[in-house]
Amino acid sequence: MKDSGCPYLLTIAVPTHHRAPYLDLCLSQICSQLEVHQGMVDVLVSDNCSKDSSDEVVHKYIALGYPITYLKNTENIGPDRNFEQCYRKAKGKYMLIMGDDDVLLDGALDKLIPILAGEDYGIIFLNSYGFTNDFIRDRPARAPTGCTVYTDTLAFVRKVAHFLTFTSANIFNRTLVEEPTDWGPFFDSNLVQLAWTLSALFNGKKHVYVSEYLLAARLYNWGGYGLCQVFGHNSNKVFNIFRGQGVDDKYFRAINRKLLVTHFPSMIALERSKIILLKPENHFRSLYPLYRGYLYFWLFTVPAIVPPRVWFMLLFESQRNCSDKGNLPPTTRRLLLRDFHIINHVT
């Protein structure tokens, strides 16, 4: 863990690649809030060898006098290594790594700086709403208010769950991060951020959930990765690293349950509707080895994958014969294998 002699209270880093228009909006929203908090906020842009007008966008704000550190890679080093570069170059006690297409809402820093200056927190989570084109127009008419301090890390994990992977929403305390001795398992996982987020989480004694909307997250502007590979296999490989360090499995089971109840079903539905484009996967075959012992896998994720005819029989027999942690009964397994060609067609 690092000492607390950081020259800034907060570093906001923006890793980017070929998304100049989004970067422009992102930086405009950050920079418009900096004057009031001069000397407390450090801004960093790490450009992963963009060939568009990202250079011009960043230098426009530098020319206006905004204190931005601009790094431009001579080659594309991949998203995970670009994120890790942001982490390495940060100077703040706390750090927020923002997606270049997300938006820090007006007044966000006015709300955040007093929280960050108040006590030592592990994670400060920012509630957000989604938008497609216009973050002002798409803002919900009714919005939550206030924030909650958690001294129970498990309760906080249950609240945030898999959104711990959403970098734009997680401010973490850099002084609480124990860096991995081997970064290899984190690179090319699409989840390198968990190296510092989970470390700050488990080393922190208090965390904050900010209910008020301080962030707008652009919807459906991502894809190209394997849903099951990243959020199933890769996330659990990372969890195993922390399990090996003595972290209780209850935290990871809480995250996995939320993945099974909400994330996998919703993402599968979006992919099937062609709203997002992900790498082709056989969802059932990929997730079954990981989650067959989770009741929520059968109740929530499998119905999003399996045709209704198969699922109704599976559910009926599972209710008769399965315990919470039991494997699939032999008859149901045979039925599922018999209809596996159907499952292949719908995944």
Protein backbone atom coordinates (compact mmCIF):
# COMPACT_ATOMS: atom_id res chain seq x y z
CA MET A 1 0.00 0.00 0.00
CA LYS A 2 1.13 3.55 -0.72
CA ASP A 3 1.61 6.35 1.76
CA SER A 4 -0.86 9.21 1.79
CA GLY A 5 1.58 11.89 0.62
CA CYS A 6 -0.29 12.45 -2.64
CA PRO A 7 -0.11 15.91 -4.24
CA TYR A 8 -3.79 15.75 -5.28
CA LEU A 9 -6.93 14.55 -3.60
CA LEU A 10 -8.37 13.04 -6.79
CA THR A 11 -7.07 11.92 -10.16
CA ILE A 12 -9.61 11.61 -12.95
CA ALA A 13 -8.13 9.53 -15.75
CA VAL A 14 -9.70 9.00 -19.16
CA PRO A 15 -8.30 6.14 -21.26
CA THR A 16 -9.36 6.60 -24.87
CA HIS A 17 -9.02 5.10 -28.33
CA HIS A 18 -10.56 6.43 -31.56
CA ARG A 19 -13.52 8.20 -29.94
CA ALA A 20 -12.78 11.90 -30.30
CA PRO A 21 -16.40 13.18 -30.19
CA TYR A 22 -17.14 11.24 -26.99
CA LEU A 23 -13.82 12.33 -25.48
CA ASP A 24 -14.66 15.97 -26.22
CA LEU A 25 -17.93 15.78 -24.30
CA CYS A 26 -16.32 13.86 -21.45
CA LEU A 27 -13.52 16.40 -21.02
CA SER A 28 -15.85 19.39 -21.35
CA GLN A 29 -17.88 18.13 -18.41
CA ILE A 30 -14.79 17.49 -16.29
CA CYS A 31 -12.94 20.69 -17.12
CA SER A 32 -15.93 22.94 -16.50
CA GLN A 33 -15.80 21.87 -12.84
CA LEU A 34 -12.06 22.21 -12.20
CA GLU A 35 -11.68 25.92 -11.47
CA VAL A 36 -13.41 25.74 -8.11
CA HIS A 37 -11.20 22.81 -7.09
CA GLN A 38 -7.81 23.97 -8.33
CA GLY A 39 -4.93 22.05 -6.81
CA MET A 40 -7.16 19.20 -5.65
CA VAL A 41 -7.99 17.41 -8.91
CA ASP A 42 -5.51 15.93 -11.37
CA VAL A 43 -6.71 15.09 -14.91
CA LEU A 44 -5.01 12.51 -17.10
CA VAL A 45 -5.80 11.33 -20.63
CA SER A 46 -4.15 8.15 -21.88
CA ASP A 47 -4.60 7.89 -25.65
CA ASN A 48 -4.09 4.35 -26.93
CA CYS A 49 -2.65 5.37 -30.31
CA SER A 50 -5.78 6.98 -31.74
CA LYS A 51 -5.65 7.96 -35.42
CA ASP A 52 -8.65 10.30 -35.28
CA SER A 53 -8.82 13.88 -33.94
CA SER A 54 -8.33 12.91 -30.27
CA ASP A 55 -5.04 14.86 -30.27
CA GLU A 56 -6.83 18.04 -31.28
CA VAL A 57 -9.55 17.53 -28.69
CA VAL A 58 -7.10 17.17 -25.80
CA HIS A 59 -4.85 20.04 -26.90
CA LYS A 60 -7.90 22.29 -27.20
CA TYR A 61 -8.48 21.96 -23.44
CA ILE A 62 -4.78 22.25 -22.64
CA ALA A 63 -4.65 25.49 -24.66
CA LEU A 64 -7.55 26.79 -22.58
CA GLY A 65 -5.37 26.38 -19.49
CA TYR A 66 -6.82 23.22 -18.02
CA PRO A 67 -4.23 21.11 -16.17
CA ILE A 68 -4.36 17.93 -18.24
CA THR A 69 -1.54 15.39 -18.47
CA TYR A 70 -1.70 13.85 -21.94
CA LEU A 71 -0.10 10.51 -22.69
CA LYS A 72 -0.20 9.10 -26.22
CA ASN A 73 0.97 5.57 -26.88
CA THR A 74 3.04 4.96 -30.00
CA GLU A 75 1.17 1.68 -30.51
CA ASN A 76 -2.07 0.14 -29.33
CA ILE A 77 -1.18 -1.63 -26.09
CA GLY A 78 -4.69 -2.98 -25.50
CA PRO A 79 -7.37 -1.64 -23.15
CA ASP A 80 -6.17 -3.40 -19.99
CA ARG A 81 -2.61 -2.11 -20.28
CA ASN A 82 -3.89 1.36 -21.12
CA PHE A 83 -6.01 1.30 -17.96
CA GLU A 84 -3.02 0.10 -15.95
CA GLN A 85 -0.96 2.96 -17.39
CA CYS A 86 -3.58 5.38 -16.07
CA TYR A 87 -3.30 3.76 -12.66
CA ARG A 88 0.50 4.04 -12.69
CA LYS A 89 0.54 7.71 -13.69
CA ALA A 90 -2.07 8.90 -11.18
CA LYS A 91 -1.05 11.41 -8.51
CA GLY A 92 -4.21 11.61 -6.43
CA LYS A 93 -5.04 9.84 -3.19
CA TYR A 94 -8.29 8.79 -4.82
CA MET A 95 -8.72 7.85 -8.45
CA LEU A 96 -11.59 7.69 -10.92
CA ILE A 97 -10.95 6.04 -14.29
CA MET A 98 -13.74 7.28 -16.54
CA GLY A 99 -14.91 5.76 -19.77
CA ASP A 100 -14.40 8.31 -22.54
CA ASP A 101 -18.08 8.07 -23.51
CA ASP A 102 -19.47 8.65 -20.00
CA VAL A 103 -20.29 12.04 -18.52
CA LEU A 104 -19.59 13.58 -15.13
CA LEU A 105 -22.67 15.65 -14.39
CA ASP A 106 -22.64 19.33 -13.50
CA GLY A 107 -21.82 19.89 -9.83
CA ALA A 108 -20.48 16.37 -9.33
CA LEU A 109 -17.10 17.52 -8.02
CA ASP A 110 -18.79 19.94 -5.62
CA LYS A 111 -20.51 16.93 -4.07
CA LEU A 112 -17.54 14.56 -4.23
CA ILE A 113 -14.67 16.67 -2.94
CA PRO A 114 -16.12 17.09 0.59
CA ILE A 115 -16.74 13.33 0.76
CA LEU A 116 -13.20 12.49 -0.34
CA ALA A 117 -11.66 15.07 1.99
CA GLY A 118 -13.68 13.90 4.95
CA GLU A 119 -12.52 10.40 5.84
CA ASP A 120 -10.54 7.47 4.50
CA TYR A 121 -12.86 5.40 2.35
CA GLY A 122 -12.06 2.35 0.27
CA ILE A 123 -14.59 2.76 -2.55
CA ILE A 124 -16.95 5.62 -3.35
CA PHE A 125 -19.56 4.34 -5.78
CA LEU A 126 -21.40 6.79 -8.03
CA ASN A 127 -24.97 6.01 -8.96
CA SER A 128 -25.68 6.69 -12.63
CA TYR A 129 -28.41 6.71 -15.22
CA GLY A 130 -28.12 5.57 -18.81
CA PHE A 131 -28.44 7.73 -21.90
CA THR A 132 -28.22 7.16 -25.63
CA ASN A 133 -27.56 10.51 -27.31
CA ASP A 134 -28.46 13.42 -25.01
CA PHE A 135 -27.51 13.01 -21.35
CA ILE A 136 -29.56 16.07 -20.35
CA ARG A 137 -32.73 15.01 -22.14
CA ASP A 138 -32.44 11.42 -20.89
CA ARG A 139 -31.99 12.34 -17.24
CA PRO A 140 -34.81 10.77 -15.17
CA ALA A 141 -37.38 13.21 -13.86
CA ARG A 142 -37.29 11.62 -10.44
CA ALA A 143 -33.84 11.12 -9.00
CA PRO A 144 -32.54 9.67 -5.73
CA THR A 145 -30.69 11.89 -3.29
CA GLY A 146 -28.04 11.62 -0.60
CA CYS A 147 -25.37 9.05 0.10
CA THR A 148 -24.86 6.14 2.46
CA VAL A 149 -21.71 5.20 4.36
CA TYR A 150 -21.17 1.45 4.72
CA THR A 151 -19.05 -0.04 7.48
CA ASP A 152 -20.18 -3.54 6.47
CA THR A 153 -18.23 -4.48 3.34
CA LEU A 154 -20.51 -7.41 2.52
CA ALA A 155 -23.58 -5.16 2.59
CA PHE A 156 -21.77 -2.76 0.26
CA VAL A 157 -20.82 -5.59 -2.11
CA ARG A 158 -24.42 -6.79 -2.19
CA LYS A 159 -25.50 -3.27 -3.08
CA VAL A 160 -22.93 -2.65 -5.83
CA ALA A 161 -22.18 -6.26 -6.90
CA HIS A 162 -20.94 -6.63 -10.50
CA PHE A 163 -20.95 -2.86 -10.99
CA LEU A 164 -17.60 -2.95 -9.21
CA THR A 165 -16.32 -3.64 -12.73
CA PHE A 166 -17.79 -0.34 -14.02
CA THR A 167 -14.75 1.91 -13.80
CA SER A 168 -16.62 5.19 -14.36
CA ALA A 169 -18.68 4.61 -11.22
CA ASN A 170 -15.93 3.53 -8.80
CA ILE A 171 -13.63 6.00 -7.10
CA PHE A 172 -10.99 3.99 -5.24
CA ASN A 173 -8.43 4.88 -2.59
CA ARG A 174 -5.00 4.38 -4.14
CA THR A 175 -3.29 4.36 -0.75
CA LEU A 176 -5.18 1.17 0.13
CA VAL A 177 -4.19 -0.75 -3.00
CA GLU A 178 -1.81 -3.68 -2.68
CA GLU A 179 -0.53 -4.24 -6.18
CA PRO A 180 -0.45 -7.81 -7.47
CA THR A 181 2.95 -9.46 -7.67
CA ASP A 182 1.92 -10.79 -11.08
CA TRP A 183 -0.17 -8.58 -13.35
CA GLY A 184 -0.35 -11.31 -15.99
CA PRO A 185 -3.73 -12.81 -14.98
CA PHE A 186 -5.30 -9.34 -15.07
CA PHE A 187 -4.05 -8.34 -18.50
CA ASP A 188 -6.24 -9.24 -21.50
CA SER A 189 -9.08 -10.12 -19.15
CA ASN A 190 -11.05 -6.91 -19.79
CA LEU A 191 -11.13 -6.67 -15.98
CA VAL A 192 -7.74 -5.29 -15.00
CA GLN A 193 -9.58 -2.67 -12.94
CA LEU A 194 -10.49 -5.34 -10.39
CA ALA A 195 -6.82 -5.48 -9.34
CA TRP A 196 -7.09 -2.09 -7.64
CA THR A 197 -10.84 -1.90 -7.05
CA LEU A 198 -11.08 -5.13 -5.08
CA SER A 199 -7.86 -4.40 -3.21
CA ALA A 200 -9.12 -1.00 -2.06
CA LEU A 201 -12.48 -2.58 -1.26
CA PHE A 202 -11.12 -5.29 1.01
CA ASN A 203 -8.53 -3.05 2.65
CA GLY A 204 -11.03 -0.27 3.31
CA LYS A 205 -13.03 -0.08 6.51
CA LYS A 206 -15.69 2.27 5.14
CA HIS A 207 -17.26 2.74 1.73
CA VAL A 208 -19.74 5.20 0.29
CA TYR A 209 -22.68 4.69 -2.03
CA VAL A 210 -23.67 8.03 -3.61
CA SER A 211 -27.35 7.68 -4.51
CA GLU A 212 -27.64 11.06 -6.20
CA TYR A 213 -26.93 10.96 -9.91
CA LEU A 214 -23.42 12.33 -10.48
CA LEU A 215 -22.73 10.29 -13.59
CA ALA A 216 -24.45 9.58 -16.91
CA ALA A 217 -23.42 6.35 -18.62
CA ARG A 218 -23.74 6.01 -22.37
CA LEU A 219 -25.74 2.91 -23.30
CA TYR A 220 -25.06 0.25 -25.94
CA ASN A 221 -21.75 1.79 -26.95
CA TRP A 222 -19.67 -1.25 -26.21
CA GLY A 223 -19.30 -4.82 -27.34
CA GLY A 224 -16.89 -7.08 -29.14
CA TYR A 225 -16.06 -9.17 -26.06
CA GLY A 226 -17.34 -12.54 -24.91
CA LEU A 227 -19.99 -12.07 -22.22
CA CYS A 228 -19.46 -15.47 -20.60
CA GLN A 229 -15.69 -15.35 -20.99
CA VAL A 230 -15.29 -11.94 -19.36
CA PHE A 231 -17.98 -11.86 -16.69
CA GLY A 232 -18.01 -15.61 -16.07
CA HIS A 233 -14.57 -17.15 -16.51
CA ASN A 234 -12.29 -14.11 -16.29
CA SER A 235 -14.05 -12.56 -13.30
CA ASN A 236 -13.88 -15.82 -11.36
CA LYS A 237 -10.19 -16.20 -12.17
CA VAL A 238 -9.68 -12.79 -10.59
CA PHE A 239 -11.87 -13.78 -7.63
CA ASN A 240 -9.67 -16.85 -7.16
CA ILE A 241 -6.62 -14.63 -6.81
CA PHE A 242 -8.27 -12.80 -3.92
CA ARG A 243 -9.63 -16.04 -2.46
CA GLY A 244 -6.02 -17.24 -2.40
CA GLN A 245 -5.14 -14.17 -0.35
CA GLY A 246 -7.68 -15.18 2.27
CA VAL A 247 -10.68 -13.10 1.18
CA ASP A 248 -13.93 -14.81 2.19
CA ASP A 249 -15.84 -16.44 -0.66
CA LYS A 250 -19.08 -14.83 0.53
CA TYR A 251 -18.19 -11.61 -1.29
CA PHE A 252 -17.70 -13.35 -4.62
CA ARG A 253 -20.82 -15.45 -4.24
CA ALA A 254 -22.78 -12.24 -3.73
CA ILE A 255 -21.36 -10.80 -6.96
CA ASN A 256 -21.99 -14.03 -8.86
CA ARG A 257 -25.59 -14.17 -7.67
CA LYS A 258 -26.26 -10.70 -9.02
CA LEU A 259 -24.58 -11.60 -12.31
CA LEU A 260 -26.89 -14.59 -12.63
CA VAL A 261 -30.06 -12.75 -11.66
CA THR A 262 -29.65 -9.56 -13.68
CA HIS A 263 -26.52 -9.19 -15.78
CA PHE A 264 -26.37 -12.39 -17.80
CA PRO A 265 -30.12 -12.49 -18.60
CA SER A 266 -30.29 -8.83 -19.62
CA MET A 267 -27.13 -8.97 -21.73
CA ILE A 268 -28.24 -12.17 -23.46
CA ALA A 269 -31.55 -10.47 -24.29
CA LEU A 270 -29.76 -7.39 -25.66
CA GLU A 271 -27.46 -9.55 -27.74
CA ARG A 272 -30.31 -11.63 -29.11
CA SER A 273 -32.16 -8.44 -30.05
CA LYS A 274 -28.99 -7.24 -31.81
CA ILE A 275 -28.91 -4.09 -29.68
CA ILE A 276 -25.33 -4.93 -28.76
CA LEU A 277 -22.81 -7.07 -30.66
CA LEU A 278 -20.77 -9.52 -28.61
CA LYS A 279 -18.48 -12.37 -29.55
CA PRO A 280 -20.48 -15.51 -30.36
CA GLU A 281 -20.58 -17.96 -27.46
CA ASN A 282 -22.58 -20.95 -26.38
CA HIS A 283 -23.89 -19.38 -23.21
CA PHE A 284 -25.12 -22.56 -21.56
CA ARG A 285 -22.04 -24.64 -22.31
CA SER A 286 -19.78 -21.82 -21.11
CA LEU A 287 -21.62 -20.93 -17.91
CA TYR A 288 -22.77 -24.38 -16.78
CA PRO A 289 -19.37 -25.54 -15.38
CA LEU A 290 -19.07 -22.34 -13.37
CA TYR A 291 -22.59 -21.92 -12.06
CA ARG A 292 -24.35 -25.29 -12.06
CA GLY A 293 -24.32 -25.22 -8.25
CA TYR A 294 -26.14 -21.88 -8.10
CA LEU A 295 -29.91 -22.06 -7.86
CA TYR A 296 -30.10 -18.58 -9.46
CA PHE A 297 -28.38 -19.93 -12.57
CA TRP A 298 -31.33 -22.27 -13.16
CA LEU A 299 -34.01 -19.79 -12.13
CA PHE A 300 -32.82 -16.68 -13.97
CA THR A 301 -29.97 -17.28 -16.43
CA VAL A 302 -31.00 -20.58 -18.01
CA PRO A 303 -34.50 -19.31 -18.93
CA ALA A 304 -32.81 -16.53 -20.89
CA ILE A 305 -30.85 -19.17 -22.84
CA VAL A 306 -32.95 -22.31 -23.18
CA PRO A 307 -36.13 -22.63 -25.29
CA PRO A 308 -39.33 -22.69 -23.19
CA ARG A 309 -40.18 -26.34 -24.01
CA VAL A 310 -36.90 -27.54 -22.53
CA TRP A 311 -36.95 -25.07 -19.65
CA PHE A 312 -40.40 -26.01 -18.33
CA MET A 313 -39.41 -29.67 -18.07
CA LEU A 314 -36.08 -28.71 -16.55
CA LEU A 315 -37.70 -26.44 -13.97
CA PHE A 316 -40.30 -29.06 -13.01
CA GLU A 317 -37.73 -31.76 -12.42
CA SER A 318 -35.24 -29.44 -10.75
CA GLN A 319 -37.86 -28.32 -8.22
CA ARG A 320 -38.52 -31.97 -7.36
CA ASN A 321 -34.99 -33.18 -7.16
CA CYS A 322 -32.43 -30.37 -6.85
CA SER A 323 -31.12 -28.91 -3.66
CA ASP A 324 -29.78 -25.35 -3.64
CA LYS A 325 -26.29 -26.56 -4.34
CA GLY A 326 -27.01 -29.84 -6.10
CA ASN A 327 -26.11 -30.79 -9.62
CA LEU A 328 -28.67 -31.23 -12.37
CA PRO A 329 -30.60 -34.53 -12.00
CA PRO A 330 -29.69 -37.29 -14.50
CA THR A 331 -33.05 -37.26 -16.32
CA THR A 332 -32.94 -33.50 -16.79
CA ARG A 333 -29.33 -33.70 -17.89
CA ARG A 334 -30.26 -36.27 -20.56
CA LEU A 335 -33.15 -34.07 -21.69
CA LEU A 336 -30.87 -31.08 -21.93
CA LEU A 337 -28.26 -33.02 -23.88
CA ARG A 338 -30.95 -34.41 -26.18
CA ASP A 339 -32.04 -30.90 -27.02
CA PHE A 340 -28.53 -29.47 -27.05
CA HIS A 341 -28.77 -28.81 -30.77
CA ILE A 342 -31.61 -26.39 -29.97
CA ILE A 343 -29.53 -24.68 -27.32
CA ASN A 344 -26.70 -24.34 -29.81
CA HIS A 345 -29.03 -22.59 -32.26
CA VAL A 346 -30.34 -20.05 -29.78
CA THR A 347 -27.00 -19.05 -28.21
